[in-house]
Amino acid sequence: MASHEEGPERKRRARAQDGDAKRRHTINDVARMAGVSKKTVSRVINASPFVKEETRKAVLEIIKDTGYVPDPQARGLAFRRSFLIGLIYDNPNPQHTVSHQQGILDALKGTGFELVVRPVDRSSPRLLDEMRVFVERQKLFGVVLPSPVSEDEALVELLKELGCKYVRIASVPMDDASCMVVSHDGRGAAEAARHLADLGHKRIALISGPPSFRSSVERRRGFESGLAERGLSLDPALAKQGAYTYESGIAAARELFELKDRPTAIFCLNDEMASGAYLAARDAGLRIPEDVSILGFDDAPIAARLWPPLASVRLPLRDMGRMAGEMLVPNPLRDTHADAHEVRPELVVRASTAKVG
């Protein structure tokens, strides 16, 4: 009497037979080859913690061998969700949003998921009502919340109520690490302050962003901390309020250049405002960096296109968007035990800063 085939041998033979079939494999095929239920395969695909590690590895091996790709439409029906990811933003800097969008699209490539972009007015009293309609009507699988929308706790609570997954992009941790991409803006601003101080500048001005933006608050805090490390402090007369826009950078820099004892260096909390400061310097007859050093934040594409090229604190905005997208869309072949999603700002020194003459 022939002995029964052992489980692993039976599975390998079944897999080989299926490999000869010239058709697209289904979740039922994967379940049969793995000797588990369709529900178990679904749990593995969606990174559920309620699956034994041995079973998870076996299912993932079969998915890899067969090239099986989960059908996002079927998954959407199973979870009563669509295969749409939303990007909800309110930011006066369009390049910031475009970079995040490109990163999210990088993450969604080949997954069957699509991106829906939704601008909002964070100060609108109808924001939560509008977002409820948006999420429910689109049956969103999840949303990415970049700064400053990520700072809206009421919106986050609404998403939890609706059972909609989310990832927040912010300058500091504000939630569980599993739904955060953290940029540590303050560290980058501190490095900028140290750089200008090390060049011999003592009258260093600051053009900040909107006080309602956590990023502006953190960048200013980091900047002042970096100055303190060099024995310096921010003169209140040299602190000007901007709005993260080109026009506000022009206006703030003009005020600084009209001072009797004008600054020898200006740190702008984003590159849009730094670009405006360039125009104001030209109008005032000042040369960059001979008469005034200017340093920005974000290292947007415009930074390298200005003349002289703008020194800036680089935030990998596209990478941050990609991280957020990867956290939202389950991928059984991706390591689900990755480290916390965070980036570190990096100072990019260019020709717009120099030693005090």
Protein backbone atom coordinates (compact mmCIF):
# COMPACT_ATOMS: atom_id res chain seq x y z
CA MET A 1 0.00 0.00 0.00
CA ALA A 2 1.50 3.32 -1.10
CA SER A 3 2.23 5.80 1.64
CA HIS A 4 0.50 9.13 1.67
CA GLU A 5 2.53 12.05 0.30
CA GLU A 6 3.89 14.37 2.90
CA GLY A 7 2.34 17.84 3.04
CA PRO A 8 5.31 19.78 1.60
CA GLU A 9 5.78 17.33 -1.31
CA ARG A 10 2.08 17.49 -2.14
CA LYS A 11 2.19 21.27 -2.15
CA ARG A 12 5.25 21.37 -4.41
CA ARG A 13 3.60 19.01 -6.89
CA ALA A 14 0.42 21.06 -6.88
CA ARG A 15 2.45 24.19 -7.40
CA ALA A 16 4.31 22.65 -10.34
CA GLN A 17 1.04 21.58 -11.95
CA ASP A 18 -0.34 25.05 -11.57
CA GLY A 19 2.87 26.55 -12.92
CA ASP A 20 2.20 24.74 -16.20
CA ALA A 21 -1.22 26.30 -16.50
CA LYS A 22 -1.09 29.33 -18.76
CA ARG A 23 -3.53 31.48 -16.86
CA ARG A 24 -3.50 34.07 -14.17
CA HIS A 25 -3.47 32.56 -10.71
CA THR A 26 -6.25 33.37 -8.30
CA ILE A 27 -6.42 33.58 -4.53
CA ASN A 28 -8.15 30.17 -4.61
CA ASP A 29 -5.11 28.70 -6.38
CA VAL A 30 -2.77 30.13 -3.76
CA ALA A 31 -4.96 28.82 -0.93
CA ARG A 32 -5.09 25.33 -2.47
CA MET A 33 -1.32 25.17 -3.07
CA ALA A 34 -0.60 26.36 0.47
CA GLY A 35 -3.13 24.00 1.99
CA VAL A 36 -4.87 26.83 3.81
CA SER A 37 -8.16 28.67 3.54
CA LYS A 38 -8.82 31.60 1.23
CA LYS A 39 -9.38 33.71 4.34
CA THR A 40 -5.89 32.89 5.60
CA VAL A 41 -4.35 33.95 2.28
CA SER A 42 -6.32 37.19 2.49
CA ARG A 43 -4.99 37.80 5.99
CA VAL A 44 -1.41 37.29 4.80
CA ILE A 45 -1.94 39.68 1.89
CA ASN A 46 -3.27 42.34 4.25
CA ALA A 47 -0.43 41.88 6.77
CA SER A 48 -2.71 40.63 9.52
CA PRO A 49 -0.91 39.78 12.78
CA PHE A 50 -3.30 36.84 13.30
CA VAL A 51 -1.36 34.40 11.13
CA LYS A 52 1.37 32.02 12.28
CA GLU A 53 4.79 33.02 11.02
CA GLU A 54 5.36 29.59 9.42
CA THR A 55 2.07 29.84 7.54
CA ARG A 56 2.76 33.43 6.48
CA LYS A 57 6.16 32.48 5.01
CA ALA A 58 4.68 29.51 3.14
CA VAL A 59 1.91 31.61 1.59
CA LEU A 60 4.34 34.39 0.65
CA GLU A 61 6.62 31.86 -1.03
CA ILE A 62 3.76 30.60 -3.18
CA ILE A 63 2.66 34.16 -4.03
CA LYS A 64 6.20 34.92 -5.13
CA ASP A 65 6.60 31.71 -7.14
CA THR A 66 3.29 32.05 -8.95
CA GLY A 67 3.44 35.79 -9.51
CA TYR A 68 -0.04 36.10 -8.02
CA VAL A 69 -1.21 39.75 -7.80
CA PRO A 70 -4.18 40.51 -5.52
CA ASP A 71 -7.14 42.05 -7.32
CA PRO A 72 -7.65 45.48 -5.69
CA GLN A 73 -11.27 45.63 -6.84
CA ALA A 74 -12.06 42.33 -5.17
CA ARG A 75 -10.24 43.46 -2.07
CA GLY A 76 -12.22 46.67 -2.13
CA LEU A 77 -15.47 44.72 -2.21
CA ALA A 78 -14.30 42.48 0.62
CA PHE A 79 -13.48 45.44 2.82
CA ARG A 80 -16.28 47.63 1.47
CA ARG A 81 -13.56 49.95 0.26
CA SER A 82 -12.44 51.14 -3.15
CA PHE A 83 -8.89 50.85 -4.43
CA LEU A 84 -8.37 54.60 -4.03
CA ILE A 85 -5.87 56.42 -1.81
CA GLY A 86 -6.65 60.04 -0.96
CA LEU A 87 -4.13 62.87 -0.54
CA ILE A 88 -5.76 65.60 1.54
CA TYR A 89 -3.72 68.79 1.63
CA ASP A 90 -3.80 72.50 2.49
CA ASN A 91 -0.43 74.02 1.72
CA PRO A 92 0.46 77.36 0.08
CA ASN A 93 3.59 75.76 -1.42
CA PRO A 94 2.52 73.80 -4.53
CA GLN A 95 5.91 72.11 -5.00
CA HIS A 96 5.61 70.58 -1.54
CA THR A 97 2.34 68.91 -2.52
CA VAL A 98 3.58 67.81 -5.96
CA SER A 99 6.63 66.12 -4.42
CA HIS A 100 4.47 64.20 -1.93
CA GLN A 101 2.12 63.24 -4.76
CA GLN A 102 4.98 61.86 -6.88
CA GLY A 103 6.20 59.80 -3.95
CA ILE A 104 2.78 58.30 -3.27
CA LEU A 105 2.46 57.39 -6.95
CA ASP A 106 5.86 55.67 -6.73
CA ALA A 107 4.47 53.52 -3.90
CA LEU A 108 1.24 52.71 -5.75
CA LYS A 109 2.92 51.70 -9.00
CA GLY A 110 1.96 48.14 -9.91
CA THR A 111 -0.48 47.73 -7.02
CA GLY A 112 -3.70 48.56 -8.86
CA PHE A 113 -4.40 51.39 -6.43
CA GLU A 114 -4.97 54.94 -7.69
CA LEU A 115 -4.49 58.36 -6.11
CA VAL A 116 -7.21 60.96 -5.56
CA VAL A 117 -5.95 64.45 -4.69
CA ARG A 118 -8.22 66.67 -2.56
CA PRO A 119 -7.30 70.26 -1.61
CA VAL A 120 -9.02 71.66 1.47
CA ASP A 121 -9.25 74.83 3.52
CA ARG A 122 -8.16 73.75 6.98
CA SER A 123 -9.81 76.81 8.54
CA SER A 124 -13.21 76.10 7.00
CA PRO A 125 -15.98 75.31 9.53
CA ARG A 126 -17.28 72.77 6.99
CA LEU A 127 -14.01 70.84 6.76
CA LEU A 128 -15.14 67.78 8.75
CA ASP A 129 -18.50 67.56 6.96
CA GLU A 130 -16.78 67.79 3.59
CA MET A 131 -14.21 65.16 4.53
CA ARG A 132 -16.90 62.78 5.77
CA VAL A 133 -18.66 63.03 2.41
CA PHE A 134 -15.35 62.69 0.52
CA VAL A 135 -14.22 59.55 2.36
CA GLU A 136 -17.65 57.86 2.30
CA ARG A 137 -18.49 58.71 -1.30
CA GLN A 138 -15.11 57.56 -2.64
CA LYS A 139 -15.00 54.61 -0.19
CA LEU A 140 -11.33 55.44 0.30
CA PHE A 141 -9.00 52.62 1.26
CA GLY A 142 -6.84 55.14 3.09
CA VAL A 143 -5.57 58.72 3.09
CA VAL A 144 -2.25 60.53 3.36
CA LEU A 145 -2.27 63.66 5.52
CA PRO A 146 0.72 65.95 4.93
CA SER A 147 1.46 68.98 7.09
CA PRO A 148 -0.46 71.05 8.15
CA VAL A 149 -3.56 68.87 7.63
CA SER A 150 -1.79 66.12 9.57
CA GLU A 151 -1.96 68.36 12.64
CA ASP A 152 -5.78 68.42 12.69
CA GLU A 153 -6.73 66.06 15.50
CA ALA A 154 -10.46 66.41 14.80
CA LEU A 155 -9.92 65.18 11.25
CA VAL A 156 -7.88 62.22 12.50
CA GLU A 157 -10.66 61.31 14.93
CA LEU A 158 -13.16 61.45 12.06
CA LEU A 159 -11.05 59.04 10.00
CA LYS A 160 -10.89 56.66 12.94
CA GLU A 161 -14.67 56.85 13.29
CA LEU A 162 -15.08 56.05 9.59
CA GLY A 163 -12.62 53.18 9.80
CA CYS A 164 -10.40 54.80 7.17
CA LYS A 165 -6.68 54.10 7.37
CA TYR A 166 -4.40 57.13 7.43
CA VAL A 167 -0.75 58.14 7.53
CA ARG A 168 0.31 61.50 8.93
CA ILE A 169 3.39 63.34 7.64
CA ALA A 170 4.62 65.80 10.25
CA SER A 171 7.71 67.47 11.67
CA VAL A 172 7.35 65.70 15.03
CA PRO A 173 5.73 62.44 16.21
CA MET A 174 2.01 63.00 16.76
CA ASP A 175 0.56 59.48 16.68
CA ASP A 176 1.44 55.81 16.77
CA ALA A 177 4.61 55.10 14.74
CA SER A 178 2.62 52.79 12.44
CA CYS A 179 0.79 55.78 10.97
CA MET A 180 3.50 58.46 11.05
CA VAL A 181 6.22 59.72 8.73
CA VAL A 182 8.35 62.11 10.79
CA SER A 183 10.68 64.71 9.25
CA HIS A 184 12.37 66.23 12.35
CA ASP A 185 12.37 69.76 10.89
CA GLY A 186 13.86 71.25 14.05
CA ARG A 187 17.10 69.35 13.58
CA GLY A 188 17.55 70.75 10.09
CA ALA A 189 16.86 74.30 11.24
CA ALA A 190 19.44 73.95 14.03
CA GLU A 191 22.03 72.85 11.49
CA ALA A 192 21.23 75.91 9.38
CA ALA A 193 21.77 78.20 12.38
CA ARG A 194 25.10 76.57 13.20
CA HIS A 195 26.23 76.91 9.58
CA LEU A 196 25.54 80.65 9.45
CA ALA A 197 27.10 81.23 12.86
CA ASP A 198 30.21 79.29 11.87
CA LEU A 199 30.60 81.63 8.89
CA GLY A 200 30.93 84.49 11.36
CA HIS A 201 27.40 85.92 11.10
CA LYS A 202 25.98 87.42 14.27
CA ARG A 203 23.06 89.46 12.96
CA ILE A 204 21.07 86.57 11.53
CA ALA A 205 17.45 87.25 10.57
CA LEU A 206 14.57 84.80 10.41
CA ILE A 207 11.59 84.82 8.04
CA SER A 208 9.17 82.31 9.55
CA GLY A 209 6.07 80.59 8.22
CA PRO A 210 2.47 80.77 9.47
CA PRO A 211 2.30 80.27 13.24
CA SER A 212 -0.58 77.83 12.71
CA PHE A 213 1.82 75.43 10.94
CA ARG A 214 3.60 73.05 13.31
CA SER A 215 6.50 72.89 10.85
CA SER A 216 7.05 76.65 11.21
CA VAL A 217 7.01 76.40 14.99
CA GLU A 218 9.45 73.47 15.00
CA ARG A 219 11.79 75.08 12.48
CA ARG A 220 11.94 78.31 14.48
CA ARG A 221 12.52 76.39 17.69
CA GLY A 222 15.35 74.43 16.09
CA PHE A 223 16.87 77.59 14.61
CA GLU A 224 16.95 79.37 17.97
CA SER A 225 18.37 76.25 19.60
CA GLY A 226 21.18 76.15 17.01
CA LEU A 227 21.97 79.82 17.60
CA ALA A 228 22.13 79.21 21.34
CA GLU A 229 24.69 76.44 20.77
CA ARG A 230 26.93 79.12 19.25
CA GLY A 231 26.27 81.65 21.99
CA LEU A 232 23.87 83.71 19.87
CA SER A 233 20.19 84.62 20.13
CA LEU A 234 17.55 85.84 17.69
CA ASP A 235 17.08 89.62 17.85
CA PRO A 236 13.30 90.26 17.89
CA ALA A 237 13.84 93.07 15.37
CA LEU A 238 15.24 90.49 12.94
CA ALA A 239 12.31 88.07 13.23
CA LYS A 240 9.73 88.60 10.51
CA GLN A 241 6.49 86.76 9.88
CA GLY A 242 6.01 85.16 6.47
CA ALA A 243 3.32 82.92 4.99
CA TYR A 244 5.41 80.28 3.18
CA THR A 245 4.78 82.21 -0.07
CA TYR A 246 7.06 84.01 -2.53
CA GLU A 247 5.26 87.31 -1.98
CA SER A 248 5.58 87.14 1.80
CA GLY A 249 9.30 86.50 1.41
CA ILE A 250 9.68 89.68 -0.64
CA ALA A 251 7.73 91.77 1.88
CA ALA A 252 9.57 90.42 4.94
CA ALA A 253 13.03 90.78 3.39
CA ARG A 254 12.31 94.34 2.31
CA GLU A 255 11.52 95.21 5.92
CA LEU A 256 14.80 93.68 7.02
CA PHE A 257 16.84 95.54 4.39
CA GLU A 258 15.30 98.84 5.46
CA LEU A 259 16.72 98.48 8.98
CA LYS A 260 19.56 100.81 9.87
CA ASP A 261 21.55 97.84 11.16
CA ARG A 262 20.46 95.28 8.62
CA PRO A 263 21.21 91.55 8.95
CA THR A 264 24.21 89.96 7.27
CA ALA A 265 22.32 86.66 6.85
CA ILE A 266 18.70 85.57 6.52
CA PHE A 267 17.28 82.11 7.21
CA CYS A 268 13.94 81.59 5.46
CA LEU A 269 11.80 78.71 6.65
CA ASN A 270 11.06 77.58 3.10
CA ASP A 271 12.55 78.08 -0.35
CA GLU A 272 9.57 80.02 -1.70
CA MET A 273 10.20 82.80 0.81
CA ALA A 274 13.94 82.59 0.18
CA SER A 275 13.26 83.17 -3.53
CA GLY A 276 11.32 86.29 -2.57
CA ALA A 277 14.24 87.44 -0.42
CA TYR A 278 16.47 87.18 -3.52
CA LEU A 279 14.27 89.69 -5.36
CA ALA A 280 14.18 92.03 -2.37
CA ALA A 281 17.99 91.91 -2.14
CA ARG A 282 18.35 92.76 -5.82
CA ASP A 283 15.92 95.67 -5.49
CA ALA A 284 17.92 96.94 -2.49
CA GLY A 285 21.14 96.79 -4.51
CA LEU A 286 22.59 94.02 -2.37
CA ARG A 287 24.72 91.17 -3.67
CA ILE A 288 24.28 87.55 -2.60
CA PRO A 289 26.36 86.34 -0.75
CA GLU A 290 28.83 89.25 -0.64
CA ASP A 291 26.40 91.61 1.12
CA VAL A 292 23.88 89.17 2.57
CA SER A 293 23.79 85.38 2.90
CA ILE A 294 20.43 83.70 2.31
CA LEU A 295 19.53 80.15 3.32
CA GLY A 296 16.23 78.30 2.71
CA PHE A 297 14.46 75.12 3.77
CA ASP A 298 13.06 72.12 1.81
CA ASP A 299 15.63 72.14 -1.04
CA ALA A 300 12.87 72.38 -3.61
CA PRO A 301 13.92 72.22 -7.30
CA ILE A 302 13.96 76.03 -7.47
CA ALA A 303 16.86 76.15 -4.98
CA ALA A 304 19.40 74.87 -7.51
CA ARG A 305 17.94 77.05 -10.31
CA LEU A 306 18.37 80.40 -8.61
CA TRP A 307 21.53 82.43 -9.13
CA PRO A 308 23.56 82.08 -7.11
CA PRO A 309 22.23 78.61 -6.21
CA LEU A 310 20.39 78.67 -2.89
CA ALA A 311 21.78 76.86 0.15
CA SER A 312 18.89 74.98 1.74
CA VAL A 313 17.95 72.33 4.28
CA ARG A 314 16.88 69.31 2.26
CA LEU A 315 13.76 67.36 3.14
CA PRO A 316 13.27 64.27 0.95
CA LEU A 317 9.63 65.17 0.24
CA ARG A 318 9.16 62.57 -2.49
CA ASP A 319 10.59 59.83 -0.27
CA MET A 320 8.23 60.90 2.51
CA GLY A 321 5.26 60.55 0.18
CA ARG A 322 6.49 57.13 -0.93
CA MET A 323 6.86 55.99 2.67
CA ALA A 324 3.31 57.10 3.44
CA GLY A 325 1.94 55.28 0.39
CA GLU A 326 3.79 52.08 1.27
CA MET A 327 2.44 52.19 4.81
CA LEU A 328 -1.13 52.40 3.51
CA VAL A 329 -1.11 49.80 0.76
CA PRO A 330 -0.50 46.23 2.00
CA ASN A 331 2.27 44.46 0.15
CA PRO A 332 2.86 40.84 1.23
CA LEU A 333 6.38 40.90 -0.20
CA ARG A 334 7.40 43.98 1.78
CA ASP A 335 8.92 43.74 5.25
CA THR A 336 6.11 44.52 7.67
CA HIS A 337 8.59 44.88 10.54
CA ALA A 338 10.47 47.85 9.08
CA ASP A 339 11.90 50.50 11.35
CA ALA A 340 9.95 53.65 12.16
CA HIS A 341 9.35 55.79 9.12
CA GLU A 342 11.36 58.94 9.61
CA VAL A 343 13.79 61.06 7.65
CA ARG A 344 16.61 63.35 8.68
CA PRO A 345 16.98 66.83 7.16
CA GLU A 346 20.32 67.54 5.51
CA LEU A 347 21.96 70.93 4.94
CA VAL A 348 22.92 71.45 1.30
CA VAL A 349 25.56 74.18 1.11
CA ARG A 350 25.56 76.24 -2.08
CA ALA A 351 26.84 79.63 -3.18
CA SER A 352 24.22 81.79 -1.42
CA THR A 353 26.08 81.75 1.92
CA ALA A 354 29.58 82.98 2.67
CA LYS A 355 31.77 84.24 5.49
CA VAL A 356 31.19 87.74 6.73
CA GLY A 357 33.40 90.08 4.69
